[in-house]
Every structure is written in C-alpha cells, then in structure tokens.
Amino acid sequence: MILPTAFVAVLLTAGNSSAFDLITEAEARLPPPQRTIPRGGITRGPSIVIMAPGSDKDVKAPFAIRVNFEPHGGSKIDVATVKVTYLKRPLIDLTPRLKGAISETGIDVADANAPPGTHDIRIDVTDAEGRTRSALLSFTVVK
C-alpha cells in the first residue's frame, strides 16, 4: 500500500510535536542586558534548585528543563508570582510560554528548543509569605 505524501509528512513530523520554542533565533540575537546591582534583604525565601540543564555541560535541542521550588517555614509557593525572564535587552518574559509547566513544586519541561549559544534565564519565585528568591539558569546549546 502506498501512503499519500501528506500523511507521510505528518508521520515524520509527529515525533517533535511536544517540543516548543523556548527562545527564538531573533530573541537570541538581542544584546545582553545592562548590568544591575542586585538588591535584597535577609529573608528565608524559597530555594530554587536547578536540576536540568546543568550549567557545567552543553545541551542539544530539544532539551529538558527541570527546576525544583522548596518553600521554607511551612509556607507554600505562590505559583501566580513565578516569573521566568530571558536576560536580553529588552528583557523577555518567558513565563507565558512556560505556564503549563510551572507548578507549586517547580518547572518541568520535557522538550524545549533554543538556538545555539549561551542563554541566561532568571527565575523569580515568591512564597505565600511574600518572600522572594531568584536564581540564574545558564546553559549553552550546541548544534
């Protein structure tokens, strides 16, 4: 039996249907942000533990993003306040792209795409007590 060409094309592309563009080529070409001096007080904000991708190795797209949020003092993570920002000029809010992957326990993405290069992403998390913590997710995508 000979399959119609359109059906074969659908079969060949079906494997990557779950991957999405976390960062576009145009966004990756933007200049880095201006340097800022971090401000903050002494608080026991939630911990942000980056599980994948590791900053000590290169990744190939598509790649997984796994970040754990750990609240302290019996508090809970306020999911509505989680913000994920691609550090470029201007800053790019990636939160809407990751909305379905963000939960009270962290961020879990199986297949994210980004163009080759080094990418820096800031993750801001606030708990129900209003305590905020930020972490930098930095990784390099290779061809």
C-alpha atoms as a PDB file:
ATOM      1  CA  MET A   1       0.000   0.000   0.000  1.00  0.00           C
ATOM      2  CA  ILE A   2       1.345   3.433  -0.932  1.00  0.00           C
ATOM      3  CA  LEU A   3       0.742   6.199   1.605  1.00  0.00           C
ATOM      4  CA  PRO A   4      -0.240   9.683   0.423  1.00  0.00           C
ATOM      5  CA  THR A   5       2.649  12.182   0.661  1.00  0.00           C
ATOM      6  CA  ALA A   6       0.808  14.441   3.146  1.00  0.00           C
ATOM      7  CA  PHE A   7       0.246  11.517   5.517  1.00  0.00           C
ATOM      8  CA  VAL A   8       3.939  10.553   5.382  1.00  0.00           C
ATOM      9  CA  ALA A   9       4.907  14.160   6.167  1.00  0.00           C
ATOM     10  CA  VAL A  10       2.630  14.131   9.234  1.00  0.00           C
ATOM     11  CA  LEU A  11       4.201  10.905  10.444  1.00  0.00           C
ATOM     12  CA  LEU A  12       7.726  12.264  10.056  1.00  0.00           C
ATOM     13  CA  THR A  13       6.995  15.459  11.990  1.00  0.00           C
ATOM     14  CA  ALA A  14       4.836  13.883  14.707  1.00  0.00           C
ATOM     15  CA  GLY A  15       7.857  12.947  16.834  1.00  0.00           C
ATOM     16  CA  ASN A  16       8.749  16.559  17.666  1.00  0.00           C
ATOM     17  CA  SER A  17       5.210  17.815  18.267  1.00  0.00           C
ATOM     18  CA  SER A  18       5.813  18.148  22.017  1.00  0.00           C
ATOM     19  CA  ALA A  19       8.905  20.369  21.651  1.00  0.00           C
ATOM     20  CA  PHE A  20       8.326  24.114  21.714  1.00  0.00           C
ATOM     21  CA  ASP A  21      10.476  27.175  21.112  1.00  0.00           C
ATOM     22  CA  LEU A  22      11.515  28.491  24.489  1.00  0.00           C
ATOM     23  CA  ILE A  23      13.805  31.046  22.831  1.00  0.00           C
ATOM     24  CA  THR A  24      13.595  32.187  19.211  1.00  0.00           C
ATOM     25  CA  GLU A  25      16.513  32.986  16.894  1.00  0.00           C
ATOM     26  CA  ALA A  26      15.565  36.683  16.912  1.00  0.00           C
ATOM     27  CA  GLU A  27      15.491  36.788  20.724  1.00  0.00           C
ATOM     28  CA  ALA A  28      18.869  35.046  20.970  1.00  0.00           C
ATOM     29  CA  ARG A  29      20.429  37.759  18.745  1.00  0.00           C
ATOM     30  CA  LEU A  30      19.370  40.583  21.092  1.00  0.00           C
ATOM     31  CA  PRO A  31      22.141  42.266  23.115  1.00  0.00           C
ATOM     32  CA  PRO A  32      22.759  41.290  26.742  1.00  0.00           C
ATOM     33  CA  PRO A  33      21.011  43.311  29.461  1.00  0.00           C
ATOM     34  CA  GLN A  34      22.619  46.203  31.265  1.00  0.00           C
ATOM     35  CA  ARG A  35      24.380  45.208  34.458  1.00  0.00           C
ATOM     36  CA  THR A  36      22.397  45.874  37.597  1.00  0.00           C
ATOM     37  CA  ILE A  37      23.368  45.719  41.235  1.00  0.00           C
ATOM     38  CA  PRO A  38      21.270  43.072  42.978  1.00  0.00           C
ATOM     39  CA  ARG A  39      19.217  44.328  45.905  1.00  0.00           C
ATOM     40  CA  GLY A  40      17.659  42.290  48.602  1.00  0.00           C
ATOM     41  CA  GLY A  41      17.231  41.851  52.273  1.00  0.00           C
ATOM     42  CA  ILE A  42      17.892  38.926  54.523  1.00  0.00           C
ATOM     43  CA  THR A  43      14.892  36.656  54.206  1.00  0.00           C
ATOM     44  CA  ARG A  44      14.278  32.928  54.111  1.00  0.00           C
ATOM     45  CA  GLY A  45      12.736  32.899  50.658  1.00  0.00           C
ATOM     46  CA  PRO A  46      12.084  29.662  48.819  1.00  0.00           C
ATOM     47  CA  SER A  47      15.028  27.686  47.475  1.00  0.00           C
ATOM     48  CA  ILE A  48      15.317  27.221  43.721  1.00  0.00           C
ATOM     49  CA  VAL A  49      17.183  24.051  42.747  1.00  0.00           C
ATOM     50  CA  ILE A  50      18.097  23.719  39.073  1.00  0.00           C
ATOM     51  CA  MET A  51      18.148  20.042  38.127  1.00  0.00           C
ATOM     52  CA  ALA A  52      18.438  20.330  34.314  1.00  0.00           C
ATOM     53  CA  PRO A  53      20.031  21.538  32.201  1.00  0.00           C
ATOM     54  CA  GLY A  54      23.234  21.546  34.179  1.00  0.00           C
ATOM     55  CA  SER A  55      25.387  24.661  33.832  1.00  0.00           C
ATOM     56  CA  ASP A  56      28.554  22.574  33.566  1.00  0.00           C
ATOM     57  CA  LYS A  57      27.643  20.927  30.264  1.00  0.00           C
ATOM     58  CA  ASP A  58      26.400  21.731  26.816  1.00  0.00           C
ATOM     59  CA  VAL A  59      22.951  20.611  25.678  1.00  0.00           C
ATOM     60  CA  LYS A  60      21.426  19.779  22.316  1.00  0.00           C
ATOM     61  CA  ALA A  61      17.919  20.898  21.445  1.00  0.00           C
ATOM     62  CA  PRO A  62      15.383  19.758  22.335  1.00  0.00           C
ATOM     63  CA  PHE A  63      16.410  19.598  25.991  1.00  0.00           C
ATOM     64  CA  ALA A  64      14.707  19.210  29.360  1.00  0.00           C
ATOM     65  CA  ILE A  65      14.240  21.952  31.934  1.00  0.00           C
ATOM     66  CA  ARG A  66      13.693  20.776  35.493  1.00  0.00           C
ATOM     67  CA  VAL A  67      13.674  23.228  38.409  1.00  0.00           C
ATOM     68  CA  ASN A  68      12.515  22.416  41.951  1.00  0.00           C
ATOM     69  CA  PHE A  69      10.999  25.012  44.286  1.00  0.00           C
ATOM     70  CA  GLU A  70      11.474  24.374  48.006  1.00  0.00           C
ATOM     71  CA  PRO A  71       9.483  26.631  50.370  1.00  0.00           C
ATOM     72  CA  HIS A  72      10.656  27.161  53.952  1.00  0.00           C
ATOM     73  CA  GLY A  73       8.960  27.708  57.295  1.00  0.00           C
ATOM     74  CA  GLY A  74       5.756  25.878  56.393  1.00  0.00           C
ATOM     75  CA  SER A  75       4.939  28.316  53.611  1.00  0.00           C
ATOM     76  CA  LYS A  76       3.818  27.414  50.079  1.00  0.00           C
ATOM     77  CA  ILE A  77       4.944  28.670  46.688  1.00  0.00           C
ATOM     78  CA  ASP A  78       2.638  31.286  45.167  1.00  0.00           C
ATOM     79  CA  VAL A  79       2.518  29.936  41.588  1.00  0.00           C
ATOM     80  CA  ALA A  80       0.922  33.147  40.315  1.00  0.00           C
ATOM     81  CA  THR A  81       4.099  35.079  41.173  1.00  0.00           C
ATOM     82  CA  VAL A  82       6.623  32.780  39.447  1.00  0.00           C
ATOM     83  CA  LYS A  83       8.383  34.754  36.736  1.00  0.00           C
ATOM     84  CA  VAL A  84      10.849  33.428  34.155  1.00  0.00           C
ATOM     85  CA  THR A  85      12.859  36.070  32.276  1.00  0.00           C
ATOM     86  CA  TYR A  86      15.296  35.688  29.368  1.00  0.00           C
ATOM     87  CA  LEU A  87      18.126  38.105  30.151  1.00  0.00           C
ATOM     88  CA  LYS A  88      18.406  40.164  26.990  1.00  0.00           C
ATOM     89  CA  ARG A  89      17.845  43.819  26.164  1.00  0.00           C
ATOM     90  CA  PRO A  90      14.923  44.256  26.361  1.00  0.00           C
ATOM     91  CA  LEU A  91      14.138  41.594  28.954  1.00  0.00           C
ATOM     92  CA  ILE A  92      11.871  38.854  27.575  1.00  0.00           C
ATOM     93  CA  ASP A  93       9.159  37.343  29.772  1.00  0.00           C
ATOM     94  CA  LEU A  94       9.143  33.579  29.124  1.00  0.00           C
ATOM     95  CA  THR A  95       6.502  32.916  31.796  1.00  0.00           C
ATOM     96  CA  PRO A  96       3.534  32.691  29.371  1.00  0.00           C
ATOM     97  CA  ARG A  97       5.433  30.110  27.288  1.00  0.00           C
ATOM     98  CA  LEU A  98       6.057  28.005  30.389  1.00  0.00           C
ATOM     99  CA  LYS A  99       2.662  28.497  32.062  1.00  0.00           C
ATOM    100  CA  GLY A 100       1.601  24.848  31.736  1.00  0.00           C
ATOM    101  CA  ALA A 101       4.978  23.633  33.039  1.00  0.00           C
ATOM    102  CA  ILE A 102       5.021  25.752  36.232  1.00  0.00           C
ATOM    103  CA  SER A 103       3.609  24.276  39.430  1.00  0.00           C
ATOM    104  CA  GLU A 104       3.973  24.711  43.173  1.00  0.00           C
ATOM    105  CA  THR A 105       6.838  22.192  43.112  1.00  0.00           C
ATOM    106  CA  GLY A 106       8.787  23.724  40.211  1.00  0.00           C
ATOM    107  CA  ILE A 107       9.145  23.849  36.450  1.00  0.00           C
ATOM    108  CA  ASP A 108       9.090  20.667  34.360  1.00  0.00           C
ATOM    109  CA  VAL A 109       9.588  20.806  30.583  1.00  0.00           C
ATOM    110  CA  ALA A 110      10.470  17.682  28.600  1.00  0.00           C
ATOM    111  CA  ASP A 111      11.386  19.241  25.236  1.00  0.00           C
ATOM    112  CA  ALA A 112      12.414  22.886  24.881  1.00  0.00           C
ATOM    113  CA  ASN A 113      14.107  24.398  21.834  1.00  0.00           C
ATOM    114  CA  ALA A 114      16.611  27.226  21.753  1.00  0.00           C
ATOM    115  CA  PRO A 115      19.140  28.279  19.112  1.00  0.00           C
ATOM    116  CA  PRO A 116      22.849  27.523  19.560  1.00  0.00           C
ATOM    117  CA  GLY A 117      24.621  29.790  22.038  1.00  0.00           C
ATOM    118  CA  THR A 118      24.736  30.578  25.726  1.00  0.00           C
ATOM    119  CA  HIS A 119      21.438  31.565  27.318  1.00  0.00           C
ATOM    120  CA  ASP A 120      20.832  33.155  30.726  1.00  0.00           C
ATOM    121  CA  ILE A 121      17.382  32.932  32.304  1.00  0.00           C
ATOM    122  CA  ARG A 122      16.347  34.402  35.673  1.00  0.00           C
ATOM    123  CA  ILE A 123      13.720  32.580  37.715  1.00  0.00           C
ATOM    124  CA  ASP A 124      11.910  34.551  40.443  1.00  0.00           C
ATOM    125  CA  VAL A 125       9.795  32.683  42.998  1.00  0.00           C
ATOM    126  CA  THR A 126       7.714  34.127  45.844  1.00  0.00           C
ATOM    127  CA  ASP A 127       6.124  32.182  48.674  1.00  0.00           C
ATOM    128  CA  ALA A 128       2.747  32.815  50.324  1.00  0.00           C
ATOM    129  CA  GLU A 129       4.517  34.934  52.988  1.00  0.00           C
ATOM    130  CA  GLY A 130       5.788  37.342  50.301  1.00  0.00           C
ATOM    131  CA  ARG A 131       9.429  36.230  50.476  1.00  0.00           C
ATOM    132  CA  THR A 132      11.131  36.188  47.076  1.00  0.00           C
ATOM    133  CA  ARG A 133      14.209  34.426  45.804  1.00  0.00           C
ATOM    134  CA  SER A 134      15.850  34.481  42.360  1.00  0.00           C
ATOM    135  CA  ALA A 135      18.138  32.026  40.602  1.00  0.00           C
ATOM    136  CA  LEU A 136      20.047  32.082  37.329  1.00  0.00           C
ATOM    137  CA  LEU A 137      19.612  29.232  34.869  1.00  0.00           C
ATOM    138  CA  SER A 138      22.504  29.369  32.410  1.00  0.00           C
ATOM    139  CA  PHE A 139      23.135  26.821  29.663  1.00  0.00           C
ATOM    140  CA  THR A 140      24.793  26.519  26.256  1.00  0.00           C
ATOM    141  CA  VAL A 141      23.007  24.947  23.308  1.00  0.00           C
ATOM    142  CA  VAL A 142      25.304  23.276  20.762  1.00  0.00           C
ATOM    143  CA  LYS A 143      24.440  22.002  17.303  1.00  0.00           C
END
